[in-house]
Protein backbone atom coordinates (compact mmCIF):
# COMPACT_ATOMS: atom_id res chain seq x y z
CA MET A 1 100.03 127.82 91.29
CA PRO A 2 99.73 130.98 93.22
CA SER A 3 99.76 130.22 97.13
CA PRO A 4 96.13 130.91 99.03
CA ASP A 5 95.07 133.72 100.41
CA PRO A 6 94.37 134.40 104.37
CA VAL A 7 90.59 133.72 104.81
CA ALA A 8 91.15 136.73 107.94
CA PRO A 9 93.60 139.39 109.09
CA VAL A 10 96.83 138.32 111.06
CA TRP A 11 95.94 140.24 114.22
CA HIS A 12 92.36 138.48 113.74
CA THR A 13 94.18 135.05 114.47
CA ILE A 14 96.48 135.97 117.01
CA VAL A 15 93.50 137.32 119.28
CA LEU A 16 92.10 133.64 118.15
CA ILE A 17 95.01 131.56 119.54
CA ALA A 18 95.80 133.70 122.31
CA GLY A 19 92.38 133.45 123.50
CA ILE A 20 92.24 129.47 123.15
CA VAL A 21 95.63 129.37 125.23
CA VAL A 22 94.23 131.63 128.08
CA LEU A 23 90.91 129.35 127.97
CA SER A 24 93.25 125.99 128.07
CA ILE A 25 95.06 127.35 130.89
CA ALA A 26 92.10 128.63 133.26
CA SER A 27 90.39 125.41 132.40
CA ALA A 28 93.51 123.18 133.35
CA ALA A 29 93.77 125.57 136.69
CA GLN A 30 89.98 125.49 137.34
CA LEU A 31 89.52 121.62 137.20
CA SER A 32 92.63 120.55 138.97
CA ASP A 33 91.47 122.74 141.77
CA ALA A 34 87.99 121.38 142.07
CA GLN A 35 89.14 118.21 144.19
CA GLY A 36 85.96 116.08 142.70
CA VAL A 37 82.95 118.70 143.27
CA VAL A 38 82.30 119.84 139.73
CA ASN A 39 79.03 121.50 138.82
CA ARG A 40 78.93 119.09 135.57
CA MET A 41 75.43 121.46 133.65
CA GLN A 42 77.34 124.73 134.02
CA THR A 43 80.80 123.28 133.05
CA TYR A 44 78.91 122.10 129.83
CA THR A 45 76.69 125.32 129.59
CA LEU A 46 80.37 127.57 129.92
CA THR A 47 82.20 125.00 127.08
CA ALA A 48 79.02 125.53 124.55
CA THR A 49 79.00 129.12 125.34
CA THR A 50 82.97 129.46 124.39
CA GLU A 51 82.53 127.28 121.75
CA LEU A 52 79.78 128.65 119.93
CA CYS A 53 81.60 132.30 120.74
CA MET A 54 84.65 130.79 118.97
CA LEU A 55 82.73 130.09 115.83
CA ALA A 56 81.63 133.79 115.96
CA TRP A 57 84.47 134.99 116.09
CA VAL A 58 85.44 132.91 113.12
CA TYR A 59 82.66 134.20 110.94
CA PHE A 60 83.45 137.63 112.03
CA GLY A 61 87.10 137.75 110.73
CA MET A 62 86.27 135.84 107.76
CA ARG A 63 83.44 138.99 107.15
CA LEU A 64 86.00 141.07 107.33
CA ARG A 65 88.08 139.52 104.63
CA LYS A 66 84.72 139.06 102.11
CA VAL A 67 85.49 135.09 102.45
CA PRO A 68 82.00 132.83 102.40
CA PHE A 69 82.26 131.44 105.71
CA ARG A 70 80.82 127.84 104.15
CA SER A 71 83.91 127.50 101.91
CA LEU A 72 85.50 126.39 105.44
CA LEU A 73 83.38 123.33 105.06
CA GLY A 74 84.50 121.90 101.63
CA SER A 75 82.22 119.77 99.84
CA VAL A 76 78.83 119.21 101.60
CA PRO A 77 76.90 115.88 100.81
CA GLY A 78 73.99 117.37 98.53
CA ASN A 79 72.36 113.71 99.14
CA LEU A 80 71.88 110.82 101.16
CA ARG A 81 74.63 108.50 99.54
CA SER A 82 77.25 111.31 100.25
CA LEU A 83 75.46 111.50 103.65
CA THR A 84 76.16 107.75 104.07
CA THR A 85 80.18 107.63 102.52
CA ASP A 86 80.88 109.90 105.01
CA ILE A 87 79.59 108.68 108.30
CA GLY A 88 80.88 105.30 107.18
CA LEU A 89 84.54 106.68 106.14
CA ALA A 90 84.07 108.72 109.92
CA PHE A 91 83.73 105.45 111.32
CA LEU A 92 86.32 103.84 109.81
CA PHE A 93 88.67 107.01 110.48
CA TRP A 94 87.60 106.99 114.19
CA ILE A 95 88.56 102.90 114.63
CA GLY A 96 92.05 103.55 112.62
CA ALA A 97 92.80 106.89 114.78
CA LEU A 98 92.16 105.26 118.19
CA PHE A 99 94.70 102.54 117.22
CA VAL A 100 97.53 104.58 116.02
CA LEU A 101 97.10 106.80 119.32
CA ALA A 102 96.78 103.46 121.36
CA THR A 103 99.98 102.23 119.64
CA ILE A 104 101.51 105.73 120.24
CA GLY A 105 100.29 105.79 123.79
CA LEU A 106 101.88 101.73 124.66
CA PHE A 107 105.27 102.83 122.98
CA TRP A 108 105.29 105.95 125.27
CA THR A 109 104.91 104.26 128.18
CA LEU A 110 107.27 101.49 127.66
CA THR A 111 110.13 104.15 126.62
CA GLU A 112 109.28 106.06 129.59
CA ALA A 113 109.40 102.83 131.78
CA ALA A 114 112.65 101.96 130.08
CA ILE A 115 114.43 105.83 130.34
CA LYS A 116 113.54 105.61 134.39
CA HIS A 117 114.40 101.76 134.59
CA GLN A 118 110.68 100.89 135.58
CA PRO A 119 109.09 97.64 135.39
CA ILE A 120 106.36 97.79 133.41
CA PHE A 121 104.40 94.77 135.40
CA ILE A 122 105.17 93.69 138.90
CA PRO A 123 103.95 90.22 139.94
CA GLY A 124 101.23 90.62 142.61
CA LYS A 125 100.81 93.79 142.08
CA GLN A 126 97.56 95.23 140.25
CA LEU A 127 98.43 97.63 137.27
CA SER A 128 97.88 101.47 137.85
CA PRO A 129 98.50 104.71 135.49
CA ASP A 130 101.71 106.87 136.96
CA PRO A 131 99.46 110.20 138.98
CA LEU A 132 99.83 112.76 136.61
CA GLN A 133 97.59 110.07 134.12
CA GLN A 134 95.88 109.02 137.83
CA GLN A 135 94.97 113.15 137.81
CA THR A 136 94.01 113.23 134.44
CA LEU A 137 91.40 110.41 134.44
CA HIS A 138 90.00 111.67 137.43
CA THR A 139 89.11 115.40 136.07
CA LEU A 140 87.66 113.59 132.88
CA THR A 141 85.59 111.64 134.72
CA GLN A 142 84.31 114.31 136.84
CA LEU A 143 83.25 115.52 133.43
CA ALA A 144 81.38 112.82 132.32
CA PRO A 145 77.08 113.06 132.78
CA SER A 146 75.24 111.36 135.39
CA SER A 147 72.01 111.59 135.17
CA GLY A 148 69.61 111.79 131.92
CA ARG A 149 69.68 115.98 131.94
CA GLU A 150 73.62 115.58 131.79
CA LEU A 151 73.63 113.12 129.38
CA ALA A 152 71.07 115.13 127.08
CA ALA A 153 73.08 118.36 128.15
CA TRP A 154 76.21 116.35 127.22
CA VAL A 155 74.91 115.37 123.60
CA ALA A 156 74.38 118.81 122.71
CA LEU A 157 77.58 119.76 123.86
CA CYS A 158 79.66 116.81 121.60
CA ILE A 159 77.56 118.06 118.99
CA ILE A 160 78.59 121.67 119.35
CA ALA A 161 82.03 120.69 119.88
CA GLY A 162 82.37 118.55 116.98
CA ILE A 163 81.30 120.82 114.64
CA THR A 164 83.11 124.08 116.17
CA GLU A 165 86.19 123.03 116.47
CA GLU A 166 86.54 121.18 113.28
CA ILE A 167 85.70 124.52 111.49
CA VAL A 168 87.83 126.51 113.54
CA PHE A 169 90.96 123.83 113.33
CA ARG A 170 91.05 122.17 110.43
CA GLY A 171 88.98 124.70 108.61
CA TYR A 172 90.03 128.51 109.53
CA LEU A 173 93.35 127.85 111.03
CA HIS A 174 94.64 125.33 109.09
CA ARG A 175 93.85 127.51 105.87
CA GLN A 176 95.67 130.51 107.94
CA PHE A 177 98.41 128.76 108.21
CA THR A 178 99.10 127.35 104.99
CA ALA A 179 98.37 130.86 103.30
CA TRP A 180 100.95 132.28 105.55
CA ALA A 181 103.45 129.53 104.39
CA ARG A 182 102.55 130.25 101.25
CA GLY A 183 101.17 127.14 100.36
CA VAL A 184 102.80 124.78 102.20
CA VAL A 185 99.90 122.61 103.11
CA ALA A 186 102.33 120.51 105.94
CA VAL A 187 102.82 124.06 107.86
CA GLY A 188 99.12 123.87 108.02
CA VAL A 189 98.21 120.61 109.14
CA VAL A 190 101.27 120.96 111.28
CA VAL A 191 100.59 123.71 113.51
CA SER A 192 96.93 124.25 113.49
CA ALA A 193 96.70 120.36 114.81
CA LEU A 194 99.72 121.92 117.77
CA VAL A 195 97.24 124.74 118.41
CA PHE A 196 94.38 121.73 118.84
CA GLY A 197 96.52 119.76 121.40
CA ALA A 198 96.91 123.09 123.29
CA ALA A 199 93.55 123.89 123.64
CA HIS A 200 92.91 120.89 125.48
CA GLY A 201 95.13 121.66 128.88
CA TYR A 202 92.66 120.06 131.54
CA GLN A 203 93.79 116.56 129.66
CA GLY A 204 97.74 116.88 131.14
CA ALA A 205 100.77 116.81 129.18
CA ARG A 206 100.93 113.61 127.75
CA ASN A 207 96.98 113.70 126.19
CA MET A 208 97.58 117.52 124.77
CA VAL A 209 100.96 115.96 122.38
CA LEU A 210 98.31 112.74 121.71
CA LEU A 211 96.00 115.18 121.06
CA SER A 212 97.98 116.80 118.42
CA ILE A 213 98.72 113.71 116.61
CA PHE A 214 94.74 113.55 116.42
CA GLY A 215 94.26 117.19 114.52
CA VAL A 216 97.44 115.89 112.21
CA LEU A 217 94.98 112.89 111.64
CA PHE A 218 91.76 114.94 111.26
CA SER A 219 93.62 117.24 108.83
CA LEU A 220 94.51 114.58 106.77
CA LEU A 221 91.28 113.16 107.04
CA ALA A 222 90.10 116.55 105.85
CA LEU A 223 92.31 116.96 103.21
CA PHE A 224 91.60 113.19 101.41
CA ARG A 225 87.79 114.19 101.32
CA ARG A 226 88.00 117.63 100.69
CA SER A 227 85.70 118.39 103.56
CA LEU A 228 85.21 118.67 106.88
CA CYS A 229 82.30 116.93 106.99
CA PRO A 230 83.32 113.47 107.54
CA GLY A 231 86.04 115.09 110.52
CA ILE A 232 83.10 116.50 112.71
CA PHE A 233 81.31 113.10 112.31
CA ALA A 234 84.03 111.38 113.94
CA HIS A 235 84.67 114.18 116.29
CA THR A 236 81.40 114.14 117.60
CA LEU A 237 81.56 110.37 118.03
CA GLN A 238 84.66 110.43 120.04
CA ASP A 239 83.23 112.73 122.63
CA LEU A 240 80.00 111.24 122.54
CA PHE A 241 81.60 107.86 123.42
CA ALA A 242 84.49 108.63 125.61
CA GLY A 243 82.22 110.51 127.61
CA LEU A 244 79.18 107.61 127.52
CA VAL A 245 82.43 104.80 128.29
CA LEU A 246 83.38 107.45 131.41
CA ALA A 247 79.92 107.75 132.93
CA PHE A 248 79.17 104.12 132.42
CA LEU A 249 82.25 102.88 134.65
CA LYS A 250 81.95 105.95 137.12
CA ALA A 251 78.51 104.17 137.67
CA HIS A 252 79.56 100.58 138.03
CA HIS A 253 82.49 102.31 140.83
CA LYS A 254 85.02 100.75 137.83
CA LEU A 255 86.86 104.42 138.32
């Protein structure tokens, strides 16, 4: 079976990855220096603009090779039954993926405590995350919407991010890396997932690793369904849910 052809020139992909890494580092530095003062609407607008620019760059690269942009999506629901199936599959995937990530996170914490010879629970002392995790939680909390206007912007951003990131990482980059590996799908899955994790520098090293694993799961979903649509639904749901939970906890002074 012949190996698939790349969907864009090599230099185009290198520029895209370099841009992703630079933006990840810049966002991590900016949010760590914010010290609790974050202009959420400005951040949402900038993030949405960046996502759309990334999508436009992918479209441009595929045009250079005359590859149909729509081909990245795979099978698209053509009727209500297919759409319902994709939405249901996305929800089941989301629940299962959260369980997998929570289990990995728990084992990570237990292993880290065992290596450092630290007790997990001390009677009479309230459980709290380590300083790095606290900083990450603080950063994510500052990004959560706090008003109706911000909530509407957050929903729009989640939709844009869900569509864009699935097309870029599970579509474009997955196909590029698979083609460069002469059809070895595992390479496309793993490397695109690593870039996906690296794109979230503002969430800290631990979450970047967990998000890389999340990226692998998203790729497996896309391969199983032969479509990015369930992943787009699940990705949007995850971002939306995380923001709303943090907003709720912040509003009720739980964080």
